[in-house]
């Protein structure tokens, strides 16, 4: 099962993800932001400072928003060197 070792918010609503297999990918969250449930993440402070890694998923503190490690894996692209 895929898990997240580390996550880091980036500019432009992206998240750097390091997975348990050592892969490093960048997930673009912008496509989710048009959904009502994800609207709070349009606030850059909420998006960047409230992001938490829970291993199997990320969530945003004090928000009812989460994305699974598998979802992030599938939407992310490998980080360019």
PDB file of N, CA and C in Angstrom:
ATOM      1  N   UNK A   1       0.844  -1.182   0.000  1.00  0.00           N
ATOM      2  CA  UNK A   1       0.000   0.000   0.000  1.00  0.00           C
ATOM      3  C   UNK A   1       0.889   1.246   0.000  1.00  0.00           C
ATOM      4  N   UNK A   2       0.519   2.194  -0.796  1.00  0.00           N
ATOM      5  CA  UNK A   2       1.272   3.439  -0.935  1.00  0.00           C
ATOM      6  C   UNK A   2       0.979   4.365   0.248  1.00  0.00           C
ATOM      7  N   UNK A   3       2.050   4.944   0.804  1.00  0.00           N
ATOM      8  CA  UNK A   3       1.884   5.937   1.864  1.00  0.00           C
ATOM      9  C   UNK A   3       2.793   7.129   1.578  1.00  0.00           C
ATOM     10  N   UNK A   4       2.534   8.193   2.289  1.00  0.00           N
ATOM     11  CA  UNK A   4       3.309   9.428   2.149  1.00  0.00           C
ATOM     12  C   UNK A   4       4.326   9.530   3.277  1.00  0.00           C
ATOM     13  N   UNK A   5       5.586   9.704   2.915  1.00  0.00           N
ATOM     14  CA  UNK A   5       6.619   9.939   3.928  1.00  0.00           C
ATOM     15  C   UNK A   5       6.688  11.421   4.272  1.00  0.00           C
ATOM     16  N   UNK A   6       6.604  12.265   3.224  1.00  0.00           N
ATOM     17  CA  UNK A   6       6.677  13.713   3.428  1.00  0.00           C
ATOM     18  C   UNK A   6       5.784  14.425   2.420  1.00  0.00           C
ATOM     19  N   UNK A   7       5.247  15.549   2.838  1.00  0.00           N
ATOM     20  CA  UNK A   7       4.519  16.438   1.922  1.00  0.00           C
ATOM     21  C   UNK A   7       4.950  17.861   2.217  1.00  0.00           C
ATOM     22  N   UNK A   8       4.931  18.669   1.173  1.00  0.00           N
ATOM     23  CA  UNK A   8       5.302  20.084   1.331  1.00  0.00           C
ATOM     24  C   UNK A   8       4.472  20.905   0.359  1.00  0.00           C
ATOM     25  N   UNK A   9       3.771  21.916   0.874  1.00  0.00           N
ATOM     26  CA  UNK A   9       3.013  22.779  -0.032  1.00  0.00           C
ATOM     27  C   UNK A   9       3.951  23.613  -0.894  1.00  0.00           C
ATOM     28  N   UNK A  10       3.563  23.773  -2.142  1.00  0.00           N
ATOM     29  CA  UNK A  10       4.315  24.594  -3.087  1.00  0.00           C
ATOM     30  C   UNK A  10       3.416  25.719  -3.589  1.00  0.00           C
ATOM     31  N   UNK A  11       3.998  26.644  -4.324  1.00  0.00           N
ATOM     32  CA  UNK A  11       3.199  27.721  -4.921  1.00  0.00           C
ATOM     33  C   UNK A  11       2.231  27.158  -5.951  1.00  0.00           C
ATOM     34  N   UNK A  12       1.245  27.943  -6.260  1.00  0.00           N
ATOM     35  CA  UNK A  12       0.287  27.628  -7.317  1.00  0.00           C
ATOM     36  C   UNK A  12      -0.507  26.356  -7.031  1.00  0.00           C
ATOM     37  N   UNK A  13      -0.831  26.131  -5.753  1.00  0.00           N
ATOM     38  CA  UNK A  13      -1.700  25.028  -5.321  1.00  0.00           C
ATOM     39  C   UNK A  13      -1.161  23.655  -5.729  1.00  0.00           C
ATOM     40  N   UNK A  14       0.125  23.473  -5.489  1.00  0.00           N
ATOM     41  CA  UNK A  14       0.750  22.176  -5.749  1.00  0.00           C
ATOM     42  C   UNK A  14       1.333  21.637  -4.445  1.00  0.00           C
ATOM     43  N   UNK A  15       1.492  20.314  -4.395  1.00  0.00           N
ATOM     44  CA  UNK A  15       2.056  19.665  -3.216  1.00  0.00           C
ATOM     45  C   UNK A  15       3.187  18.751  -3.668  1.00  0.00           C
ATOM     46  N   UNK A  16       4.343  18.914  -3.045  1.00  0.00           N
ATOM     47  CA  UNK A  16       5.436  17.982  -3.271  1.00  0.00           C
ATOM     48  C   UNK A  16       5.188  16.775  -2.366  1.00  0.00           C
ATOM     49  N   UNK A  17       5.226  15.580  -2.946  1.00  0.00           N
ATOM     50  CA  UNK A  17       4.943  14.355  -2.209  1.00  0.00           C
ATOM     51  C   UNK A  17       6.122  13.402  -2.327  1.00  0.00           C
ATOM     52  N   UNK A  18       6.576  12.885  -1.196  1.00  0.00           N
ATOM     53  CA  UNK A  18       7.576  11.829  -1.187  1.00  0.00           C
ATOM     54  C   UNK A  18       6.875  10.593  -0.641  1.00  0.00           C
ATOM     55  N   UNK A  19       6.853   9.546  -1.460  1.00  0.00           N
ATOM     56  CA  UNK A  19       6.126   8.328  -1.128  1.00  0.00           C
ATOM     57  C   UNK A  19       7.038   7.289  -0.485  1.00  0.00           C
ATOM     58  N   UNK A  20       6.444   6.281   0.128  1.00  0.00           N
ATOM     59  CA  UNK A  20       7.204   5.259   0.838  1.00  0.00           C
ATOM     60  C   UNK A  20       8.143   4.460  -0.061  1.00  0.00           C
ATOM     61  N   UNK A  21       7.935   4.502  -1.370  1.00  0.00           N
ATOM     62  CA  UNK A  21       8.853   3.805  -2.281  1.00  0.00           C
ATOM     63  C   UNK A  21      10.030   4.696  -2.690  1.00  0.00           C
ATOM     64  N   UNK A  22      10.094   5.907  -2.111  1.00  0.00           N
ATOM     65  CA  UNK A  22      11.176   6.834  -2.405  1.00  0.00           C
ATOM     66  C   UNK A  22      10.903   7.777  -3.562  1.00  0.00           C
ATOM     67  N   UNK A  23       9.816   7.557  -4.287  1.00  0.00           N
ATOM     68  CA  UNK A  23       9.515   8.441  -5.416  1.00  0.00           C
ATOM     69  C   UNK A  23       9.093   9.816  -4.917  1.00  0.00           C
ATOM     70  N   UNK A  24       9.424  10.812  -5.705  1.00  0.00           N
ATOM     71  CA  UNK A  24       9.109  12.210  -5.392  1.00  0.00           C
ATOM     72  C   UNK A  24       8.287  12.748  -6.558  1.00  0.00           C
ATOM     73  N   UNK A  25       7.075  13.231  -6.242  1.00  0.00           N
ATOM     74  CA  UNK A  25       6.169  13.712  -7.281  1.00  0.00           C
ATOM     75  C   UNK A  25       5.544  15.032  -6.856  1.00  0.00           C
ATOM     76  N   UNK A  26       5.029  15.753  -7.850  1.00  0.00           N
ATOM     77  CA  UNK A  26       4.325  17.009  -7.606  1.00  0.00           C
ATOM     78  C   UNK A  26       2.862  16.827  -8.008  1.00  0.00           C
ATOM     79  N   UNK A  27       1.969  17.051  -7.049  1.00  0.00           N
ATOM     80  CA  UNK A  27       0.525  16.940  -7.290  1.00  0.00           C
ATOM     81  C   UNK A  27      -0.071  18.335  -7.440  1.00  0.00           C
ATOM     82  N   UNK A  28      -0.773  18.554  -8.528  1.00  0.00           N
ATOM     83  CA  UNK A  28      -1.446  19.824  -8.791  1.00  0.00           C
ATOM     84  C   UNK A  28      -2.880  19.708  -8.278  1.00  0.00           C
ATOM     85  N   UNK A  29      -3.218  20.527  -7.309  1.00  0.00           N
ATOM     86  CA  UNK A  29      -4.534  20.457  -6.670  1.00  0.00           C
ATOM     87  C   UNK A  29      -5.551  21.395  -7.338  1.00  0.00           C
ATOM     88  N   UNK A  30      -5.090  22.248  -8.250  1.00  0.00           N
ATOM     89  CA  UNK A  30      -5.999  23.229  -8.880  1.00  0.00           C
ATOM     90  C   UNK A  30      -7.278  22.621  -9.446  1.00  0.00           C
ATOM     91  N   UNK A  31      -7.236  21.462 -10.115  1.00  0.00           N
ATOM     92  CA  UNK A  31      -8.489  20.920 -10.661  1.00  0.00           C
ATOM     93  C   UNK A  31      -9.568  20.638  -9.605  1.00  0.00           C
ATOM     94  N   UNK A  32      -9.161  20.417  -8.365  1.00  0.00           N
ATOM     95  CA  UNK A  32     -10.125  20.148  -7.302  1.00  0.00           C
ATOM     96  C   UNK A  32     -10.780  21.424  -6.774  1.00  0.00           C
ATOM     97  N   UNK A  33     -10.152  22.565  -6.979  1.00  0.00           N
ATOM     98  CA  UNK A  33     -10.593  23.799  -6.335  1.00  0.00           C
ATOM     99  C   UNK A  33     -11.923  24.338  -6.839  1.00  0.00           C
ATOM    100  N   UNK A  34     -12.403  23.836  -7.947  1.00  0.00           N
ATOM    101  CA  UNK A  34     -13.716  24.283  -8.422  1.00  0.00           C
ATOM    102  C   UNK A  34     -14.853  23.577  -7.683  1.00  0.00           C
ATOM    103  N   UNK A  35     -14.543  22.489  -6.997  1.00  0.00           N
ATOM    104  CA  UNK A  35     -15.572  21.784  -6.205  1.00  0.00           C
ATOM    105  C   UNK A  35     -15.817  22.536  -4.904  1.00  0.00           C
ATOM    106  N   UNK A  36     -17.051  22.623  -4.509  1.00  0.00           N
ATOM    107  CA  UNK A  36     -17.447  23.371  -3.311  1.00  0.00           C
ATOM    108  C   UNK A  36     -16.661  22.930  -2.072  1.00  0.00           C
ATOM    109  N   UNK A  37     -16.461  21.648  -1.903  1.00  0.00           N
ATOM    110  CA  UNK A  37     -15.783  21.127  -0.713  1.00  0.00           C
ATOM    111  C   UNK A  37     -14.342  21.623  -0.596  1.00  0.00           C
ATOM    112  N   UNK A  38     -13.712  21.940  -1.718  1.00  0.00           N
ATOM    113  CA  UNK A  38     -12.309  22.350  -1.717  1.00  0.00           C
ATOM    114  C   UNK A  38     -12.121  23.870  -1.720  1.00  0.00           C
ATOM    115  N   UNK A  39     -13.207  24.633  -1.756  1.00  0.00           N
ATOM    116  CA  UNK A  39     -13.115  26.098  -1.834  1.00  0.00           C
ATOM    117  C   UNK A  39     -12.252  26.736  -0.735  1.00  0.00           C
ATOM    118  N   UNK A  40     -12.276  26.234   0.515  1.00  0.00           N
ATOM    119  CA  UNK A  40     -11.418  26.865   1.533  1.00  0.00           C
ATOM    120  C   UNK A  40      -9.935  26.863   1.163  1.00  0.00           C
ATOM    121  N   UNK A  41      -9.516  25.931   0.324  1.00  0.00           N
ATOM    122  CA  UNK A  41      -8.103  25.853  -0.046  1.00  0.00           C
ATOM    123  C   UNK A  41      -7.674  26.965  -0.994  1.00  0.00           C
ATOM    124  N   UNK A  42      -8.628  27.726  -1.512  1.00  0.00           N
ATOM    125  CA  UNK A  42      -8.278  28.880  -2.336  1.00  0.00           C
ATOM    126  C   UNK A  42      -7.558  29.952  -1.524  1.00  0.00           C
ATOM    127  N   UNK A  43      -7.715  29.903  -0.208  1.00  0.00           N
ATOM    128  CA  UNK A  43      -6.987  30.811   0.684  1.00  0.00           C
ATOM    129  C   UNK A  43      -5.567  30.257   0.819  1.00  0.00           C
ATOM    130  N   UNK A  44      -4.555  30.984   0.329  1.00  0.00           N
ATOM    131  CA  UNK A  44      -3.181  30.471   0.365  1.00  0.00           C
ATOM    132  C   UNK A  44      -2.683  30.131   1.771  1.00  0.00           C
ATOM    133  N   UNK A  45      -3.160  30.845   2.777  1.00  0.00           N
ATOM    134  CA  UNK A  45      -2.750  30.563   4.152  1.00  0.00           C
ATOM    135  C   UNK A  45      -3.266  29.190   4.574  1.00  0.00           C
ATOM    136  N   UNK A  46      -4.529  28.921   4.295  1.00  0.00           N
ATOM    137  CA  UNK A  46      -5.093  27.614   4.634  1.00  0.00           C
ATOM    138  C   UNK A  46      -4.382  26.527   3.840  1.00  0.00           C
ATOM    139  N   UNK A  47      -4.203  26.737   2.545  1.00  0.00           N
ATOM    140  CA  UNK A  47      -3.582  25.716   1.707  1.00  0.00           C
ATOM    141  C   UNK A  47      -2.188  25.356   2.212  1.00  0.00           C
ATOM    142  N   UNK A  48      -1.377  26.345   2.513  1.00  0.00           N
ATOM    143  CA  UNK A  48       0.018  26.054   2.843  1.00  0.00           C
ATOM    144  C   UNK A  48       0.274  25.778   4.323  1.00  0.00           C
ATOM    145  N   UNK A  49      -0.333  26.526   5.211  1.00  0.00           N
ATOM    146  CA  UNK A  49       0.027  26.382   6.627  1.00  0.00           C
ATOM    147  C   UNK A  49      -0.782  25.319   7.367  1.00  0.00           C
ATOM    148  N   UNK A  50      -1.879  24.864   6.794  1.00  0.00           N
ATOM    149  CA  UNK A  50      -2.704  23.880   7.489  1.00  0.00           C
ATOM    150  C   UNK A  50      -2.608  22.474   6.899  1.00  0.00           C
ATOM    151  N   UNK A  51      -1.756  22.288   5.901  1.00  0.00           N
ATOM    152  CA  UNK A  51      -1.569  20.973   5.289  1.00  0.00           C
ATOM    153  C   UNK A  51      -0.899  20.029   6.288  1.00  0.00           C
ATOM    154  N   UNK A  52      -1.457  18.820   6.428  1.00  0.00           N
ATOM    155  CA  UNK A  52      -0.887  17.816   7.335  1.00  0.00           C
ATOM    156  C   UNK A  52      -0.746  16.478   6.622  1.00  0.00           C
ATOM    157  N   UNK A  53       0.334  15.803   6.921  1.00  0.00           N
ATOM    158  CA  UNK A  53       0.583  14.470   6.394  1.00  0.00           C
ATOM    159  C   UNK A  53       0.112  13.440   7.420  1.00  0.00           C
ATOM    160  N   UNK A  54      -0.799  12.583   7.022  1.00  0.00           N
ATOM    161  CA  UNK A  54      -1.285  11.520   7.892  1.00  0.00           C
ATOM    162  C   UNK A  54      -0.882  10.144   7.364  1.00  0.00           C
ATOM    163  N   UNK A  55       0.116  10.104   6.501  1.00  0.00           N
ATOM    164  CA  UNK A  55       0.616   8.827   5.986  1.00  0.00           C
ATOM    165  C   UNK A  55      -0.202   8.286   4.831  1.00  0.00           C
ATOM    166  N   UNK A  56      -1.418   7.882   5.110  1.00  0.00           N
ATOM    167  CA  UNK A  56      -2.299   7.336   4.072  1.00  0.00           C
ATOM    168  C   UNK A  56      -3.072   8.423   3.330  1.00  0.00           C
ATOM    169  N   UNK A  57      -3.030   9.641   3.859  1.00  0.00           N
ATOM    170  CA  UNK A  57      -3.731  10.761   3.231  1.00  0.00           C
ATOM    171  C   UNK A  57      -3.161  12.061   3.752  1.00  0.00           C
ATOM    172  N   UNK A  58      -3.465  13.150   3.055  1.00  0.00           N
ATOM    173  CA  UNK A  58      -3.201  14.488   3.577  1.00  0.00           C
ATOM    174  C   UNK A  58      -4.539  15.108   3.924  1.00  0.00           C
ATOM    175  N   UNK A  59      -4.505  16.009   4.885  1.00  0.00           N
ATOM    176  CA  UNK A  59      -5.704  16.796   5.164  1.00  0.00           C
ATOM    177  C   UNK A  59      -5.262  18.197   5.552  1.00  0.00           C
ATOM    178  N   UNK A  60      -6.247  19.040   5.734  1.00  0.00           N
ATOM    179  CA  UNK A  60      -5.991  20.414   6.122  1.00  0.00           C
ATOM    180  C   UNK A  60      -6.649  20.644   7.472  1.00  0.00           C
ATOM    181  N   UNK A  61      -5.835  21.034   8.452  1.00  0.00           N
ATOM    182  CA  UNK A  61      -6.291  21.231   9.821  1.00  0.00           C
ATOM    183  C   UNK A  61      -7.502  22.161   9.859  1.00  0.00           C
ATOM    184  N   UNK A  62      -8.481  21.780  10.650  1.00  0.00           N
ATOM    185  CA  UNK A  62      -9.727  22.529  10.861  1.00  0.00           C
ATOM    186  C   UNK A  62     -10.597  22.611   9.610  1.00  0.00           C
ATOM    187  N   UNK A  63     -10.309  21.797   8.623  1.00  0.00           N
ATOM    188  CA  UNK A  63     -11.126  21.715   7.409  1.00  0.00           C
ATOM    189  C   UNK A  63     -11.555  20.262   7.255  1.00  0.00           C
ATOM    190  N   UNK A  64     -12.636  20.022   6.621  1.00  0.00           N
ATOM    191  CA  UNK A  64     -13.064  18.648   6.354  1.00  0.00           C
ATOM    192  C   UNK A  64     -12.689  18.276   4.928  1.00  0.00           C
ATOM    193  N   UNK A  65     -11.385  18.373   4.648  1.00  0.00           N
ATOM    194  CA  UNK A  65     -10.861  18.142   3.307  1.00  0.00           C
ATOM    195  C   UNK A  65      -9.686  17.191   3.417  1.00  0.00           C
ATOM    196  N   UNK A  66      -9.698  16.134   2.599  1.00  0.00           N
ATOM    197  CA  UNK A  66      -8.538  15.250   2.561  1.00  0.00           C
ATOM    198  C   UNK A  66      -8.404  14.628   1.174  1.00  0.00           C
ATOM    199  N   UNK A  67      -7.188  14.183   0.887  1.00  0.00           N
ATOM    200  CA  UNK A  67      -6.877  13.475  -0.353  1.00  0.00           C
ATOM    201  C   UNK A  67      -6.005  12.279   0.007  1.00  0.00           C
ATOM    202  N   UNK A  68      -6.340  11.125  -0.517  1.00  0.00           N
ATOM    203  CA  UNK A  68      -5.585   9.922  -0.191  1.00  0.00           C
ATOM    204  C   UNK A  68      -4.224   9.910  -0.878  1.00  0.00           C
ATOM    205  N   UNK A  69      -3.310   9.134  -0.314  1.00  0.00           N
ATOM    206  CA  UNK A  69      -1.984   8.962  -0.920  1.00  0.00           C
ATOM    207  C   UNK A  69      -2.137   8.401  -2.329  1.00  0.00           C
ATOM    208  N   UNK A  70      -3.070   7.474  -2.537  1.00  0.00           N
ATOM    209  CA  UNK A  70      -3.277   6.903  -3.874  1.00  0.00           C
ATOM    210  C   UNK A  70      -3.764   7.953  -4.870  1.00  0.00           C
ATOM    211  N   UNK A  71      -4.669   8.816  -4.435  1.00  0.00           N
ATOM    212  CA  UNK A  71      -5.138   9.893  -5.316  1.00  0.00           C
ATOM    213  C   UNK A  71      -3.976  10.797  -5.695  1.00  0.00           C
ATOM    214  N   UNK A  72      -3.191  11.200  -4.710  1.00  0.00           N
ATOM    215  CA  UNK A  72      -2.046  12.059  -4.988  1.00  0.00           C
ATOM    216  C   UNK A  72      -1.069  11.376  -5.940  1.00  0.00           C
ATOM    217  N   UNK A  73      -0.840  10.087  -5.741  1.00  0.00           N
ATOM    218  CA  UNK A  73       0.067   9.333  -6.619  1.00  0.00           C
ATOM    219  C   UNK A  73      -0.420   9.383  -8.071  1.00  0.00           C
ATOM    220  N   UNK A  74      -1.716   9.192  -8.264  1.00  0.00           N
ATOM    221  CA  UNK A  74      -2.267   9.114  -9.623  1.00  0.00           C
ATOM    222  C   UNK A  74      -2.341  10.468 -10.328  1.00  0.00           C
ATOM    223  N   UNK A  75      -2.517  11.546  -9.577  1.00  0.00           N
ATOM    224  CA  UNK A  75      -2.618  12.855 -10.236  1.00  0.00           C
ATOM    225  C   UNK A  75      -1.257  13.549 -10.349  1.00  0.00           C
ATOM    226  N   UNK A  76      -0.275  13.067  -9.621  1.00  0.00           N
ATOM    227  CA  UNK A  76       1.025  13.729  -9.573  1.00  0.00           C
ATOM    228  C   UNK A  76       1.920  13.332 -10.755  1.00  0.00           C
ATOM    229  N   UNK A  77       2.873  14.198 -10.997  1.00  0.00           N
ATOM    230  CA  UNK A  77       3.893  13.930 -12.037  1.00  0.00           C
ATOM    231  C   UNK A  77       5.251  13.900 -11.349  1.00  0.00           C
ATOM    232  N   UNK A  78       6.185  13.124 -11.895  1.00  0.00           N
ATOM    233  CA  UNK A  78       7.517  13.058 -11.287  1.00  0.00           C
ATOM    234  C   UNK A  78       8.152  14.440 -11.211  1.00  0.00           C
ATOM    235  N   UNK A  79       8.852  14.671 -10.137  1.00  0.00           N
ATOM    236  CA  UNK A  79       9.539  15.941  -9.955  1.00  0.00           C
ATOM    237  C   UNK A  79      10.708  16.010 -10.919  1.00  0.00           C
ATOM    238  N   UNK A  80      10.854  17.157 -11.561  1.00  0.00           N
ATOM    239  CA  UNK A  80      11.966  17.351 -12.501  1.00  0.00           C
ATOM    240  C   UNK A  80      13.231  17.651 -11.724  1.00  0.00           C
ATOM    241  N   UNK A  81      14.328  17.075 -12.160  1.00  0.00           N
ATOM    242  CA  UNK A  81      15.619  17.323 -11.488  1.00  0.00           C
ATOM    243  C   UNK A  81      16.168  18.676 -11.851  1.00  0.00           C
TER     244      UNK A  81
END
